[in-house]
Each structure stands twice: as C-alpha cells, then as structure tokens.
Amino acid sequence: MGDNVEIGVYPLSKALEKANELELDLVEISPKANPPVCKIIDYKKFLYEQKKREKALKAKATKVIVKEIRFGPQTDDHDYEFKKRHAEKFLKDGAKLKAYVFFKGRSIVYKDQGEILLLRLAQELEEFGKVEQMPKLEGKRMTMFIAPKTKK
C-alpha cells in the first residue's frame, strides 16, 4: 500500500471505489477541513496505532501525588514535630503536601491558632518546599498547600 499511494483530491465515489479496490477502509481524518481529509487505510490498524500513541502520552505524563497532614488547633509540640518530620519526608519524595487544621465543634474560635500553626509549618519546611496556597479557611478546615522544591 505504501509504495504506490496516489495523493490528490477525489470525489467521494472515486475514493470509496479505490478503497474497495484495495480492500481497505476510507477513514475520515479531519472532518472540519474543507474539503474533509480522508485516508485509505486499515481501520483496525489505525485504531491500534491511535491507542498506542495515547498510551505512550499517558505514560510520559507526570503523576502528582498529594499527601495530607491533619492538625487540630491545639496540637502540642511533640505531635507537631512528629507530623512535621512526615511532611518533610513527603516533600523530599516529591509529593505535594496538603496540611490542614480541622476545627471540631466550637474550636472554630481558635482560627488564629490554626493559621499560626500552618504558617509555622510553612516556615520550617521552607528548605524542602514552597507554599503554593497560603492558609485559607473553608468551612471547618483551614487548608494550605506546599509544593516540593524541584531538584536542579
């Protein structure tokens, strides 16, 4: 098929006739073009090649992993240090970090403590990642995102 390919503009009937003659399919490649672009090819092979291309593109795409760390507004120092070490490890491994303070019941009155806690975390993890989103209150959660620093 590849050796004696005739390229040109054909009316639909002649293109169909040529496809039948070669025992192949007439496939519309770009319907929005004027006139529409068609190819005479084996349709099953065309689909296979298309799937193969999509799979290769998908494999090249980087997958973003988001790890979460949850604090309370009055998390004590030991728990904070323990969670900070985990956050450090996540950022070193190249994952994004979602740190949030969850306010239960009436603890919402300690919004400022929650924000201070998240800002302290951001400051202490400065060498491993940079803040992507500053602390933001959404309902009963104050959330902050930290992205890992890219390796040079």
N, C-alpha and C. Protein backbone atom coordinates (compact mmCIF):
# COMPACT_ATOMS: atom_id res chain seq x y z
N MET A 1 0.82 -1.20 0.00
CA MET A 1 0.00 0.00 0.00
C MET A 1 0.86 1.26 0.00
N GLY A 2 1.98 1.25 0.74
CA GLY A 2 2.78 2.45 0.92
C GLY A 2 3.54 2.88 -0.32
N ASP A 3 3.80 1.97 -1.27
CA ASP A 3 4.64 2.29 -2.42
C ASP A 3 3.92 3.14 -3.46
N ASN A 4 2.75 2.71 -3.89
CA ASN A 4 2.06 3.41 -4.97
C ASN A 4 0.84 4.18 -4.47
N VAL A 5 1.06 5.06 -3.53
CA VAL A 5 -0.02 5.85 -2.95
C VAL A 5 -0.26 7.05 -3.85
N GLU A 6 -1.52 7.23 -4.23
CA GLU A 6 -1.88 8.38 -5.04
C GLU A 6 -2.48 9.43 -4.13
N ILE A 7 -1.85 10.58 -4.09
CA ILE A 7 -2.35 11.68 -3.27
C ILE A 7 -3.08 12.64 -4.18
N GLY A 8 -4.24 13.06 -3.75
CA GLY A 8 -4.99 14.01 -4.56
C GLY A 8 -6.36 14.23 -4.00
N VAL A 9 -7.10 15.08 -4.66
CA VAL A 9 -8.46 15.38 -4.26
C VAL A 9 -9.38 14.56 -5.16
N TYR A 10 -10.14 13.66 -4.51
CA TYR A 10 -11.05 12.80 -5.26
C TYR A 10 -12.47 13.02 -4.79
N PRO A 11 -13.43 12.84 -5.67
CA PRO A 11 -14.82 12.85 -5.22
C PRO A 11 -15.06 11.60 -4.36
N LEU A 12 -16.04 11.67 -3.50
CA LEU A 12 -16.33 10.59 -2.56
C LEU A 12 -16.49 9.25 -3.25
N SER A 13 -17.23 9.21 -4.36
CA SER A 13 -17.49 7.94 -5.05
C SER A 13 -16.19 7.30 -5.53
N LYS A 14 -15.25 8.09 -6.09
CA LYS A 14 -13.99 7.55 -6.58
C LYS A 14 -13.12 7.07 -5.41
N ALA A 15 -13.13 7.82 -4.31
CA ALA A 15 -12.36 7.44 -3.12
C ALA A 15 -12.87 6.11 -2.56
N LEU A 16 -14.20 5.97 -2.47
CA LEU A 16 -14.80 4.71 -1.98
C LEU A 16 -14.45 3.56 -2.91
N GLU A 17 -14.52 3.83 -4.22
CA GLU A 17 -14.20 2.81 -5.23
C GLU A 17 -12.75 2.34 -5.06
N LYS A 18 -11.84 3.29 -4.88
CA LYS A 18 -10.42 2.98 -4.73
C LYS A 18 -10.19 2.17 -3.44
N ALA A 19 -10.90 2.54 -2.35
CA ALA A 19 -10.77 1.82 -1.08
C ALA A 19 -11.25 0.38 -1.23
N ASN A 20 -12.38 0.18 -1.92
CA ASN A 20 -12.91 -1.17 -2.15
C ASN A 20 -11.94 -1.99 -3.00
N GLU A 21 -11.35 -1.34 -3.99
CA GLU A 21 -10.41 -1.99 -4.89
C GLU A 21 -9.20 -2.54 -4.11
N LEU A 22 -8.71 -1.73 -3.14
CA LEU A 22 -7.56 -2.13 -2.32
C LEU A 22 -7.96 -2.98 -1.11
N GLU A 23 -9.26 -3.21 -0.93
CA GLU A 23 -9.82 -3.95 0.22
C GLU A 23 -9.39 -3.32 1.54
N LEU A 24 -9.48 -1.98 1.58
CA LEU A 24 -9.18 -1.23 2.80
C LEU A 24 -10.35 -0.31 3.12
N ASP A 25 -10.21 0.48 4.18
CA ASP A 25 -11.29 1.37 4.61
C ASP A 25 -10.97 2.81 4.26
N LEU A 26 -12.01 3.59 3.97
CA LEU A 26 -11.88 5.02 3.76
C LEU A 26 -12.17 5.68 5.10
N VAL A 27 -11.14 6.27 5.72
CA VAL A 27 -11.28 6.84 7.07
C VAL A 27 -11.17 8.35 7.00
N GLU A 28 -12.15 9.04 7.62
CA GLU A 28 -12.15 10.49 7.67
C GLU A 28 -11.18 10.93 8.77
N ILE A 29 -10.14 11.64 8.39
CA ILE A 29 -9.11 12.04 9.34
C ILE A 29 -9.45 13.38 10.01
N SER A 30 -9.77 14.40 9.20
CA SER A 30 -10.18 15.68 9.79
C SER A 30 -11.44 16.18 9.07
N PRO A 31 -12.58 15.99 9.72
CA PRO A 31 -13.87 16.34 9.11
C PRO A 31 -14.10 17.85 8.97
N LYS A 32 -13.41 18.65 9.79
CA LYS A 32 -13.67 20.10 9.75
C LYS A 32 -12.94 20.81 8.61
N ALA A 33 -11.97 20.11 7.98
CA ALA A 33 -11.23 20.71 6.87
C ALA A 33 -12.16 20.86 5.66
N ASN A 34 -11.80 21.76 4.77
CA ASN A 34 -12.63 21.95 3.58
C ASN A 34 -11.77 21.74 2.35
N PRO A 35 -11.91 20.70 1.60
CA PRO A 35 -12.77 19.53 1.76
C PRO A 35 -12.26 18.62 2.89
N PRO A 36 -13.14 17.76 3.45
CA PRO A 36 -12.73 16.87 4.53
C PRO A 36 -11.57 15.96 4.09
N VAL A 37 -10.62 15.72 4.99
CA VAL A 37 -9.46 14.90 4.67
C VAL A 37 -9.75 13.45 5.04
N CYS A 38 -9.54 12.55 4.08
CA CYS A 38 -9.75 11.13 4.30
C CYS A 38 -8.50 10.36 3.89
N LYS A 39 -8.33 9.16 4.45
CA LYS A 39 -7.22 8.29 4.08
C LYS A 39 -7.77 6.90 3.82
N ILE A 40 -7.11 6.22 2.89
CA ILE A 40 -7.47 4.82 2.65
C ILE A 40 -6.48 3.98 3.45
N ILE A 41 -6.97 3.40 4.55
CA ILE A 41 -6.11 2.61 5.44
C ILE A 41 -6.91 1.47 6.05
N ASP A 42 -6.19 0.57 6.75
CA ASP A 42 -6.84 -0.50 7.51
C ASP A 42 -7.32 0.13 8.82
N TYR A 43 -8.63 0.20 9.02
CA TYR A 43 -9.20 0.92 10.16
C TYR A 43 -8.77 0.32 11.50
N LYS A 44 -8.74 -1.01 11.58
CA LYS A 44 -8.35 -1.66 12.85
C LYS A 44 -6.91 -1.30 13.21
N LYS A 45 -6.04 -1.26 12.19
CA LYS A 45 -4.64 -0.90 12.42
C LYS A 45 -4.55 0.57 12.87
N PHE A 46 -5.38 1.42 12.26
CA PHE A 46 -5.44 2.84 12.60
C PHE A 46 -5.83 3.01 14.07
N LEU A 47 -6.86 2.29 14.52
CA LEU A 47 -7.30 2.37 15.93
C LEU A 47 -6.20 1.89 16.87
N TYR A 48 -5.54 0.81 16.47
CA TYR A 48 -4.46 0.25 17.29
C TYR A 48 -3.34 1.27 17.46
N GLU A 49 -2.92 1.89 16.37
CA GLU A 49 -1.85 2.89 16.42
C GLU A 49 -2.25 4.09 17.29
N GLN A 50 -3.52 4.50 17.17
CA GLN A 50 -4.03 5.64 17.95
C GLN A 50 -3.98 5.32 19.45
N LYS A 51 -4.43 4.11 19.83
CA LYS A 51 -4.41 3.70 21.23
C LYS A 51 -2.98 3.65 21.76
N LYS A 52 -2.08 3.16 20.90
CA LYS A 52 -0.67 3.06 21.28
C LYS A 52 -0.08 4.45 21.55
N ARG A 53 -0.42 5.42 20.68
CA ARG A 53 0.06 6.79 20.87
C ARG A 53 -0.47 7.38 22.16
N GLU A 54 -1.79 7.18 22.42
CA GLU A 54 -2.41 7.72 23.64
C GLU A 54 -1.77 7.12 24.88
N LYS A 55 -1.49 5.81 24.84
CA LYS A 55 -0.89 5.13 25.98
C LYS A 55 0.52 5.67 26.25
N ALA A 56 1.27 5.92 25.18
CA ALA A 56 2.63 6.47 25.33
C ALA A 56 2.58 7.87 25.95
N LEU A 57 1.63 8.70 25.51
CA LEU A 57 1.48 10.04 26.07
C LEU A 57 1.11 9.98 27.54
N LYS A 58 0.22 9.05 27.88
CA LYS A 58 -0.23 8.89 29.26
C LYS A 58 0.93 8.46 30.16
N ALA A 59 1.79 7.58 29.63
CA ALA A 59 2.92 7.09 30.41
C ALA A 59 3.92 8.22 30.68
N LYS A 60 4.07 9.15 29.74
CA LYS A 60 5.01 10.26 29.90
C LYS A 60 4.50 11.31 30.88
N ALA A 61 3.17 11.40 31.03
CA ALA A 61 2.58 12.41 31.92
C ALA A 61 3.01 12.14 33.36
N THR A 62 3.38 13.20 34.06
CA THR A 62 3.79 13.03 35.45
C THR A 62 2.57 12.96 36.35
N LYS A 63 2.63 12.06 37.28
CA LYS A 63 1.52 11.89 38.21
C LYS A 63 1.83 12.69 39.47
N VAL A 64 0.90 13.55 39.85
CA VAL A 64 1.09 14.37 41.04
C VAL A 64 0.47 13.65 42.23
N ILE A 65 1.30 13.41 43.22
CA ILE A 65 0.84 12.74 44.44
C ILE A 65 0.63 13.82 45.49
N VAL A 66 -0.54 13.79 46.13
CA VAL A 66 -0.83 14.76 47.19
C VAL A 66 -0.97 14.01 48.51
N LYS A 67 -0.11 14.34 49.46
CA LYS A 67 -0.17 13.74 50.79
C LYS A 67 -0.81 14.75 51.74
N GLU A 68 -1.61 14.24 52.67
CA GLU A 68 -2.31 15.12 53.61
C GLU A 68 -1.78 14.95 55.03
N ILE A 69 -1.72 16.06 55.74
CA ILE A 69 -1.40 16.03 57.16
C ILE A 69 -2.44 16.87 57.89
N ARG A 70 -3.01 16.28 58.92
CA ARG A 70 -4.10 16.94 59.63
C ARG A 70 -3.65 17.35 61.04
N PHE A 71 -3.97 18.57 61.39
CA PHE A 71 -3.68 19.08 62.72
C PHE A 71 -4.98 19.50 63.38
N GLY A 72 -4.94 19.62 64.70
CA GLY A 72 -6.02 20.25 65.45
C GLY A 72 -5.54 21.64 65.80
N PRO A 73 -6.42 22.55 66.19
CA PRO A 73 -5.97 23.91 66.50
C PRO A 73 -5.01 23.96 67.70
N GLN A 74 -5.09 22.97 68.58
CA GLN A 74 -4.21 22.97 69.74
C GLN A 74 -3.29 21.76 69.77
N THR A 75 -2.72 21.44 68.61
CA THR A 75 -1.78 20.32 68.51
C THR A 75 -0.54 20.65 69.35
N ASP A 76 -0.14 19.72 70.23
CA ASP A 76 1.02 20.00 71.09
C ASP A 76 2.33 19.82 70.31
N ASP A 77 3.42 20.24 70.91
CA ASP A 77 4.72 20.28 70.23
C ASP A 77 5.20 18.92 69.74
N HIS A 78 5.04 17.87 70.55
CA HIS A 78 5.52 16.55 70.15
C HIS A 78 4.79 16.06 68.90
N ASP A 79 3.47 16.17 68.90
CA ASP A 79 2.69 15.76 67.73
C ASP A 79 3.06 16.60 66.51
N TYR A 80 3.24 17.88 66.74
CA TYR A 80 3.61 18.79 65.66
C TYR A 80 4.93 18.36 65.04
N GLU A 81 5.94 18.10 65.87
CA GLU A 81 7.27 17.70 65.37
C GLU A 81 7.18 16.37 64.60
N PHE A 82 6.40 15.45 65.13
CA PHE A 82 6.22 14.13 64.50
C PHE A 82 5.61 14.30 63.11
N LYS A 83 4.57 15.11 63.02
CA LYS A 83 3.90 15.34 61.74
C LYS A 83 4.78 16.15 60.79
N LYS A 84 5.55 17.05 61.34
CA LYS A 84 6.46 17.86 60.52
C LYS A 84 7.51 16.96 59.86
N ARG A 85 8.02 15.97 60.60
CA ARG A 85 9.01 15.04 60.03
C ARG A 85 8.40 14.25 58.86
N HIS A 86 7.14 13.86 59.03
CA HIS A 86 6.45 13.15 57.94
C HIS A 86 6.30 14.07 56.72
N ALA A 87 5.91 15.31 56.97
CA ALA A 87 5.73 16.29 55.89
C ALA A 87 7.05 16.48 55.14
N GLU A 88 8.13 16.56 55.88
CA GLU A 88 9.47 16.72 55.32
C GLU A 88 9.79 15.55 54.38
N LYS A 89 9.49 14.35 54.84
CA LYS A 89 9.73 13.13 54.06
C LYS A 89 8.90 13.16 52.77
N PHE A 90 7.63 13.54 52.88
CA PHE A 90 6.75 13.59 51.70
C PHE A 90 7.31 14.56 50.66
N LEU A 91 7.75 15.73 51.11
CA LEU A 91 8.29 16.74 50.20
C LEU A 91 9.60 16.26 49.56
N LYS A 92 10.43 15.57 50.33
CA LYS A 92 11.68 15.03 49.79
C LYS A 92 11.40 13.98 48.72
N ASP A 93 10.33 13.23 48.91
CA ASP A 93 9.94 12.20 47.94
C ASP A 93 9.27 12.78 46.69
N GLY A 94 9.03 14.10 46.69
CA GLY A 94 8.46 14.75 45.50
C GLY A 94 6.95 14.85 45.48
N ALA A 95 6.30 14.58 46.61
CA ALA A 95 4.84 14.69 46.68
C ALA A 95 4.44 16.09 47.14
N LYS A 96 3.26 16.53 46.69
CA LYS A 96 2.73 17.80 47.20
C LYS A 96 2.17 17.54 48.59
N LEU A 97 2.11 18.58 49.39
CA LEU A 97 1.62 18.41 50.75
C LEU A 97 0.41 19.29 50.97
N LYS A 98 -0.64 18.68 51.51
CA LYS A 98 -1.84 19.43 51.88
C LYS A 98 -1.92 19.35 53.40
N ALA A 99 -1.60 20.45 54.05
CA ALA A 99 -1.66 20.49 55.51
C ALA A 99 -2.92 21.24 55.89
N TYR A 100 -3.68 20.67 56.80
CA TYR A 100 -4.89 21.38 57.22
C TYR A 100 -5.17 21.22 58.70
N VAL A 101 -5.82 22.25 59.22
CA VAL A 101 -6.25 22.26 60.62
C VAL A 101 -7.75 22.05 60.59
N PHE A 102 -8.21 21.03 61.31
CA PHE A 102 -9.64 20.71 61.34
C PHE A 102 -10.22 21.23 62.65
N PHE A 103 -11.22 22.07 62.53
CA PHE A 103 -11.85 22.64 63.72
C PHE A 103 -13.11 21.85 64.06
N LYS A 104 -13.11 21.21 65.24
CA LYS A 104 -14.28 20.43 65.68
C LYS A 104 -15.12 21.30 66.61
N GLY A 105 -16.40 21.18 66.44
CA GLY A 105 -17.33 21.87 67.34
C GLY A 105 -17.05 23.36 67.47
N ARG A 106 -16.84 23.80 68.72
CA ARG A 106 -16.63 25.23 68.96
C ARG A 106 -15.17 25.66 68.84
N SER A 107 -14.31 24.73 68.49
CA SER A 107 -12.89 25.08 68.38
C SER A 107 -12.62 26.06 67.24
N ILE A 108 -13.65 26.37 66.45
CA ILE A 108 -13.52 27.33 65.35
C ILE A 108 -13.11 28.71 65.87
N VAL A 109 -13.32 28.96 67.18
CA VAL A 109 -12.91 30.25 67.76
C VAL A 109 -11.39 30.39 67.80
N TYR A 110 -10.65 29.27 67.57
CA TYR A 110 -9.19 29.31 67.58
C TYR A 110 -8.62 29.38 66.16
N LYS A 111 -9.33 30.08 65.27
CA LYS A 111 -8.87 30.21 63.87
C LYS A 111 -7.44 30.74 63.80
N ASP A 112 -7.16 31.74 64.63
CA ASP A 112 -5.83 32.35 64.60
C ASP A 112 -4.73 31.36 65.00
N GLN A 113 -5.03 30.48 65.97
CA GLN A 113 -4.05 29.46 66.38
C GLN A 113 -3.78 28.49 65.23
N GLY A 114 -4.84 28.14 64.52
CA GLY A 114 -4.71 27.24 63.38
C GLY A 114 -3.84 27.85 62.29
N GLU A 115 -4.07 29.12 62.02
CA GLU A 115 -3.29 29.81 60.98
C GLU A 115 -1.82 29.93 61.40
N ILE A 116 -1.59 30.24 62.66
CA ILE A 116 -0.21 30.35 63.18
C ILE A 116 0.50 29.01 63.02
N LEU A 117 -0.20 27.92 63.35
CA LEU A 117 0.35 26.57 63.25
C LEU A 117 0.76 26.26 61.80
N LEU A 118 -0.10 26.57 60.84
CA LEU A 118 0.20 26.29 59.42
C LEU A 118 1.35 27.17 58.91
N LEU A 119 1.35 28.44 59.32
CA LEU A 119 2.42 29.34 58.89
C LEU A 119 3.77 28.91 59.48
N ARG A 120 3.74 28.42 60.71
CA ARG A 120 4.96 27.91 61.35
C ARG A 120 5.48 26.69 60.58
N LEU A 121 4.57 25.82 60.19
CA LEU A 121 4.93 24.63 59.40
C LEU A 121 5.56 25.06 58.07
N ALA A 122 4.93 26.02 57.41
CA ALA A 122 5.45 26.51 56.12
C ALA A 122 6.86 27.07 56.28
N GLN A 123 7.07 27.82 57.35
CA GLN A 123 8.37 28.44 57.60
C GLN A 123 9.43 27.37 57.87
N GLU A 124 9.07 26.35 58.64
CA GLU A 124 10.04 25.31 58.99
C GLU A 124 10.33 24.35 57.84
N LEU A 125 9.41 24.27 56.88
CA LEU A 125 9.62 23.40 55.71
C LEU A 125 10.10 24.18 54.49
N GLU A 126 10.52 25.41 54.71
CA GLU A 126 10.92 26.32 53.63
C GLU A 126 12.02 25.74 52.74
N GLU A 127 12.96 25.00 53.34
CA GLU A 127 14.07 24.47 52.54
C GLU A 127 13.66 23.25 51.71
N PHE A 128 12.52 22.63 52.01
CA PHE A 128 12.08 21.44 51.27
C PHE A 128 10.99 21.74 50.24
N GLY A 129 10.22 22.80 50.47
CA GLY A 129 9.13 23.12 49.55
C GLY A 129 8.71 24.56 49.68
N LYS A 130 7.91 25.00 48.69
CA LYS A 130 7.42 26.38 48.76
C LYS A 130 5.89 26.36 48.83
N VAL A 131 5.35 27.35 49.52
CA VAL A 131 3.91 27.43 49.72
C VAL A 131 3.23 27.74 48.39
N GLU A 132 2.30 26.89 48.03
CA GLU A 132 1.55 27.06 46.78
C GLU A 132 0.27 27.84 47.05
N GLN A 133 -0.32 27.59 48.21
CA GLN A 133 -1.53 28.31 48.61
C GLN A 133 -1.43 28.61 50.10
N MET A 134 -1.56 29.87 50.45
CA MET A 134 -1.49 30.26 51.85
C MET A 134 -2.72 29.71 52.60
N PRO A 135 -2.64 29.64 53.95
CA PRO A 135 -3.77 29.10 54.70
C PRO A 135 -5.08 29.80 54.36
N LYS A 136 -6.10 28.99 54.07
CA LYS A 136 -7.40 29.52 53.66
C LYS A 136 -8.48 28.72 54.38
N LEU A 137 -9.40 29.42 55.01
CA LEU A 137 -10.46 28.76 55.76
C LEU A 137 -11.60 28.37 54.82
N GLU A 138 -11.93 27.08 54.81
CA GLU A 138 -13.05 26.57 54.01
C GLU A 138 -13.93 25.74 54.94
N GLY A 139 -15.02 26.32 55.37
CA GLY A 139 -15.90 25.61 56.30
C GLY A 139 -15.21 25.42 57.64
N LYS A 140 -15.04 24.16 58.06
CA LYS A 140 -14.40 23.87 59.35
C LYS A 140 -12.93 23.47 59.17
N ARG A 141 -12.39 23.72 57.97
CA ARG A 141 -10.99 23.38 57.68
C ARG A 141 -10.21 24.60 57.23
N MET A 142 -8.98 24.71 57.71
CA MET A 142 -8.07 25.73 57.21
C MET A 142 -6.98 24.96 56.47
N THR A 143 -6.90 25.18 55.15
CA THR A 143 -6.01 24.38 54.30
C THR A 143 -4.87 25.21 53.74
N MET A 144 -3.71 24.54 53.57
CA MET A 144 -2.54 25.16 52.96
C MET A 144 -1.84 24.09 52.11
N PHE A 145 -1.39 24.48 50.91
CA PHE A 145 -0.67 23.55 50.03
C PHE A 145 0.79 23.94 49.94
N ILE A 146 1.66 22.93 49.99
CA ILE A 146 3.10 23.16 49.84
C ILE A 146 3.59 22.22 48.73
N ALA A 147 4.27 22.80 47.74
CA ALA A 147 4.82 22.02 46.62
C ALA A 147 6.30 21.76 46.87
N PRO A 148 6.79 20.59 46.50
CA PRO A 148 8.22 20.31 46.72
C PRO A 148 9.09 21.19 45.84
N LYS A 149 10.27 21.51 46.33
CA LYS A 149 11.22 22.28 45.52
C LYS A 149 11.81 21.34 44.50
N THR A 150 11.91 21.79 43.26
CA THR A 150 12.46 20.93 42.21
C THR A 150 13.96 20.81 42.36
N LYS A 151 14.44 19.59 42.07
CA LYS A 151 15.89 19.33 42.18
C LYS A 151 16.57 19.84 40.93
N LYS A 152 17.72 20.48 41.11
CA LYS A 152 18.46 21.03 39.96
C LYS A 152 19.47 20.03 39.44
